[in-house]
PDB file of N, CA and C in Angstrom:
ATOM      1  N   GLU A   1      -5.986  15.990  27.287  1.00  0.00           N
ATOM      2  CA  GLU A   1      -5.480  15.360  28.469  1.00  0.00           C
ATOM      3  C   GLU A   1      -4.350  14.394  28.151  1.00  0.00           C
ATOM      4  N   ALA A   2      -4.326  13.876  26.929  1.00  0.00           N
ATOM      5  CA  ALA A   2      -3.263  12.934  26.560  1.00  0.00           C
ATOM      6  C   ALA A   2      -1.894  13.606  26.618  1.00  0.00           C
ATOM      7  N   PHE A   3      -1.807  14.844  26.135  1.00  0.00           N
ATOM      8  CA  PHE A   3      -0.522  15.547  26.134  1.00  0.00           C
ATOM      9  C   PHE A   3      -0.072  15.872  27.559  1.00  0.00           C
ATOM     10  N   ALA A   4      -1.005  16.217  28.421  1.00  0.00           N
ATOM     11  CA  ALA A   4      -0.672  16.499  29.815  1.00  0.00           C
ATOM     12  C   ALA A   4      -0.167  15.244  30.529  1.00  0.00           C
ATOM     13  N   ALA A   5      -0.587  14.071  30.055  1.00  0.00           N
ATOM     14  CA  ALA A   5      -0.157  12.807  30.653  1.00  0.00           C
ATOM     15  C   ALA A   5       1.175  12.321  30.089  1.00  0.00           C
ATOM     16  N   GLY A   6       1.760  13.079  29.149  1.00  0.00           N
ATOM     17  CA  GLY A   6       3.070  12.719  28.620  1.00  0.00           C
ATOM     18  C   GLY A   6       3.068  12.049  27.263  1.00  0.00           C
ATOM     19  N   PHE A   7       1.916  11.988  26.610  1.00  0.00           N
ATOM     20  CA  PHE A   7       1.859  11.385  25.283  1.00  0.00           C
ATOM     21  C   PHE A   7       2.278  12.393  24.217  1.00  0.00           C
ATOM     22  N   VAL A   8       2.874  11.887  23.141  1.00  0.00           N
ATOM     23  CA  VAL A   8       3.236  12.711  21.987  1.00  0.00           C
ATOM     24  C   VAL A   8       2.682  12.044  20.732  1.00  0.00           C
ATOM     25  N   ILE A   9       2.439  12.839  19.704  1.00  0.00           N
ATOM     26  CA  ILE A   9       2.016  12.295  18.416  1.00  0.00           C
ATOM     27  C   ILE A   9       3.259  11.798  17.695  1.00  0.00           C
ATOM     28  N   ASP A  10       3.256  10.517  17.308  1.00  0.00           N
ATOM     29  CA  ASP A  10       4.407  10.000  16.566  1.00  0.00           C
ATOM     30  C   ASP A  10       4.006   9.414  15.216  1.00  0.00           C
ATOM     31  N   GLY A  11       2.763   9.582  14.841  1.00  0.00           N
ATOM     32  CA  GLY A  11       2.316   9.137  13.525  1.00  0.00           C
ATOM     33  C   GLY A  11       1.019   9.819  13.158  1.00  0.00           C
ATOM     34  N   ILE A  12       0.896  10.176  11.884  1.00  0.00           N
ATOM     35  CA  ILE A  12      -0.331  10.811  11.408  1.00  0.00           C
ATOM     36  C   ILE A  12      -0.560  10.394   9.960  1.00  0.00           C
ATOM     37  N   GLU A  13      -1.799  10.068   9.625  1.00  0.00           N
ATOM     38  CA  GLU A  13      -2.176   9.688   8.269  1.00  0.00           C
ATOM     39  C   GLU A  13      -3.437  10.448   7.889  1.00  0.00           C
ATOM     40  N   GLU A  14      -3.491  10.878   6.646  1.00  0.00           N
ATOM     41  CA  GLU A  14      -4.669  11.543   6.093  1.00  0.00           C
ATOM     42  C   GLU A  14      -5.028  10.857   4.782  1.00  0.00           C
ATOM     43  N   PRO A  15      -5.615   9.657   4.852  1.00  0.00           N
ATOM     44  CA  PRO A  15      -5.911   8.937   3.614  1.00  0.00           C
ATOM     45  C   PRO A  15      -6.962   9.660   2.782  1.00  0.00           C
ATOM     46  N   THR A  16      -6.802   9.597   1.471  1.00  0.00           N
ATOM     47  CA  THR A  16      -7.772  10.188   0.546  1.00  0.00           C
ATOM     48  C   THR A  16      -8.281   9.108  -0.388  1.00  0.00           C
ATOM     49  N   PHE A  17      -9.381   9.377  -1.040  1.00  0.00           N
ATOM     50  CA  PHE A  17      -9.939   8.443  -2.005  1.00  0.00           C
ATOM     51  C   PHE A  17      -9.263   8.615  -3.357  1.00  0.00           C
ATOM     52  N   ALA A  18      -9.495   7.653  -4.223  1.00  0.00           N
ATOM     53  CA  ALA A  18      -8.949   7.704  -5.581  1.00  0.00           C
ATOM     54  C   ALA A  18      -9.605   8.834  -6.372  1.00  0.00           C
ATOM     55  N   GLN A  19      -9.276   8.910  -7.616  1.00  0.00           N
ATOM     56  CA  GLN A  19      -9.818   9.944  -8.499  1.00  0.00           C
ATOM     57  C   GLN A  19     -11.346   9.906  -8.514  1.00  0.00           C
ATOM     58  N   PRO A  20     -11.983  11.034  -8.844  1.00  0.00           N
ATOM     59  CA  PRO A  20     -13.452  11.074  -8.903  1.00  0.00           C
ATOM     60  C   PRO A  20     -14.012   9.994  -9.822  1.00  0.00           C
ATOM     61  N   THR A  21     -15.117   9.423  -9.411  1.00  0.00           N
ATOM     62  CA  THR A  21     -15.775   8.382 -10.186  1.00  0.00           C
ATOM     63  C   THR A  21     -16.793   9.019 -11.120  1.00  0.00           C
ATOM     64  N   PRO A  22     -16.714   8.724 -12.428  1.00  0.00           N
ATOM     65  CA  PRO A  22     -17.714   9.281 -13.350  1.00  0.00           C
ATOM     66  C   PRO A  22     -19.120   8.871 -12.920  1.00  0.00           C
ATOM     67  N   GLY A  23     -20.019   9.810 -12.912  1.00  0.00           N
ATOM     68  CA  GLY A  23     -21.400   9.531 -12.550  1.00  0.00           C
ATOM     69  C   GLY A  23     -21.668   9.548 -11.058  1.00  0.00           C
ATOM     70  N   ALA A  24     -20.632   9.773 -10.247  1.00  0.00           N
ATOM     71  CA  ALA A  24     -20.845   9.825  -8.799  1.00  0.00           C
ATOM     72  C   ALA A  24     -21.619  11.098  -8.440  1.00  0.00           C
ATOM     73  N   ARG A  25     -22.295  11.056  -7.329  1.00  0.00           N
ATOM     74  CA  ARG A  25     -23.056  12.233  -6.887  1.00  0.00           C
ATOM     75  C   ARG A  25     -22.120  13.415  -6.651  1.00  0.00           C
ATOM     76  N   ASP A  26     -22.628  14.623  -6.836  1.00  0.00           N
ATOM     77  CA  ASP A  26     -21.814  15.832  -6.690  1.00  0.00           C
ATOM     78  C   ASP A  26     -21.206  15.973  -5.303  1.00  0.00           C
ATOM     79  N   MET A  27     -21.910  15.564  -4.273  1.00  0.00           N
ATOM     80  CA  MET A  27     -21.414  15.727  -2.910  1.00  0.00           C
ATOM     81  C   MET A  27     -20.814  14.440  -2.343  1.00  0.00           C
ATOM     82  N   SER A  28     -20.484  13.484  -3.192  1.00  0.00           N
ATOM     83  CA  SER A  28     -19.855  12.238  -2.754  1.00  0.00           C
ATOM     84  C   SER A  28     -18.407  12.500  -2.367  1.00  0.00           C
ATOM     85  N   TRP A  29     -17.890  11.741  -1.382  1.00  0.00           N
ATOM     86  CA  TRP A  29     -16.494  11.917  -0.974  1.00  0.00           C
ATOM     87  C   TRP A  29     -15.549  11.657  -2.133  1.00  0.00           C
ATOM     88  N   SER A  30     -15.946  10.830  -3.091  1.00  0.00           N
ATOM     89  CA  SER A  30     -15.064  10.539  -4.225  1.00  0.00           C
ATOM     90  C   SER A  30     -14.826  11.772  -5.085  1.00  0.00           C
ATOM     91  N   GLN A  31     -15.640  12.801  -4.950  1.00  0.00           N
ATOM     92  CA  GLN A  31     -15.468  14.044  -5.706  1.00  0.00           C
ATOM     93  C   GLN A  31     -14.501  15.010  -5.019  1.00  0.00           C
ATOM     94  N   PHE A  32     -14.103  14.714  -3.787  1.00  0.00           N
ATOM     95  CA  PHE A  32     -13.247  15.609  -3.008  1.00  0.00           C
ATOM     96  C   PHE A  32     -11.953  14.891  -2.620  1.00  0.00           C
ATOM     97  N   GLY A  33     -11.172  14.498  -3.617  1.00  0.00           N
ATOM     98  CA  GLY A  33      -9.961  13.728  -3.389  1.00  0.00           C
ATOM     99  C   GLY A  33      -8.895  14.454  -2.593  1.00  0.00           C
ATOM    100  N   GLN A  34      -8.921  15.778  -2.552  1.00  0.00           N
ATOM    101  CA  GLN A  34      -7.917  16.544  -1.817  1.00  0.00           C
ATOM    102  C   GLN A  34      -8.286  16.757  -0.354  1.00  0.00           C
ATOM    103  N   LEU A  35      -9.521  16.420   0.010  1.00  0.00           N
ATOM    104  CA  LEU A  35      -9.968  16.584   1.397  1.00  0.00           C
ATOM    105  C   LEU A  35     -10.011  15.223   2.074  1.00  0.00           C
ATOM    106  N   PRO A  36      -9.213  15.008   3.100  1.00  0.00           N
ATOM    107  CA  PRO A  36      -9.255  13.703   3.765  1.00  0.00           C
ATOM    108  C   PRO A  36     -10.523  13.560   4.606  1.00  0.00           C
ATOM    109  N   PRO A  37     -11.295  12.502   4.370  1.00  0.00           N
ATOM    110  CA  PRO A  37     -12.495  12.292   5.176  1.00  0.00           C
ATOM    111  C   PRO A  37     -12.164  11.689   6.536  1.00  0.00           C
ATOM    112  N   LEU A  38     -10.880  11.402   6.746  1.00  0.00           N
ATOM    113  CA  LEU A  38     -10.453  10.710   7.946  1.00  0.00           C
ATOM    114  C   LEU A  38      -9.077  11.216   8.348  1.00  0.00           C
ATOM    115  N   LEU A  39      -8.857  11.390   9.633  1.00  0.00           N
ATOM    116  CA  LEU A  39      -7.549  11.771  10.162  1.00  0.00           C
ATOM    117  C   LEU A  39      -7.204  10.770  11.260  1.00  0.00           C
ATOM    118  N   VAL A  40      -6.102  10.048  11.074  1.00  0.00           N
ATOM    119  CA  VAL A  40      -5.677   9.022  12.022  1.00  0.00           C
ATOM    120  C   VAL A  40      -4.390   9.484  12.684  1.00  0.00           C
ATOM    121  N   VAL A  41      -4.364   9.473  14.006  1.00  0.00           N
ATOM    122  CA  VAL A  41      -3.195   9.924  14.759  1.00  0.00           C
ATOM    123  C   VAL A  41      -2.790   8.821  15.735  1.00  0.00           C
ATOM    124  N   ARG A  42      -1.485   8.571  15.812  1.00  0.00           N
ATOM    125  CA  ARG A  42      -0.959   7.590  16.767  1.00  0.00           C
ATOM    126  C   ARG A  42      -0.242   8.339  17.886  1.00  0.00           C
ATOM    127  N   LEU A  43      -0.533   7.966  19.123  1.00  0.00           N
ATOM    128  CA  LEU A  43       0.104   8.571  20.291  1.00  0.00           C
ATOM    129  C   LEU A  43       1.081   7.580  20.917  1.00  0.00           C
ATOM    130  N   ARG A  44       2.156   8.109  21.466  1.00  0.00           N
ATOM    131  CA  ARG A  44       3.162   7.293  22.147  1.00  0.00           C
ATOM    132  C   ARG A  44       3.505   7.983  23.459  1.00  0.00           C
ATOM    133  N   LEU A  45       3.655   7.202  24.506  1.00  0.00           N
ATOM    134  CA  LEU A  45       4.024   7.741  25.811  1.00  0.00           C
ATOM    135  C   LEU A  45       5.532   7.938  25.856  1.00  0.00           C
ATOM    136  N   LEU A  46       5.967   9.156  26.159  1.00  0.00           N
ATOM    137  CA  LEU A  46       7.395   9.434  26.268  1.00  0.00           C
ATOM    138  C   LEU A  46       7.985   8.692  27.460  1.00  0.00           C
ATOM    139  N   ALA A  47       9.183   8.191  27.284  1.00  0.00           N
ATOM    140  CA  ALA A  47       9.863   7.499  28.377  1.00  0.00           C
ATOM    141  C   ALA A  47      10.118   8.480  29.518  1.00  0.00           C
ATOM    142  N   GLY A  48       9.826   8.073  30.714  1.00  0.00           N
ATOM    143  CA  GLY A  48      10.048   8.912  31.881  1.00  0.00           C
ATOM    144  C   GLY A  48       8.978   9.954  32.118  1.00  0.00           C
ATOM    145  N   ALA A  49       7.898   9.887  31.374  1.00  0.00           N
ATOM    146  CA  ALA A  49       6.837  10.889  31.541  1.00  0.00           C
ATOM    147  C   ALA A  49       5.879  10.485  32.638  1.00  0.00           C
TER     148      ALA A  49
END
């Protein structure tokens, strides 16, 4: 509904964790540095929308 109201995405971040931690659990997020556990998107209303 945001896009239908005239909003556009003007920022996106996919932060990742640092390198794997020795001794961390196999399924810990620290073991999956290439997979972002979080996706942050910023929306902006277009002028005249």
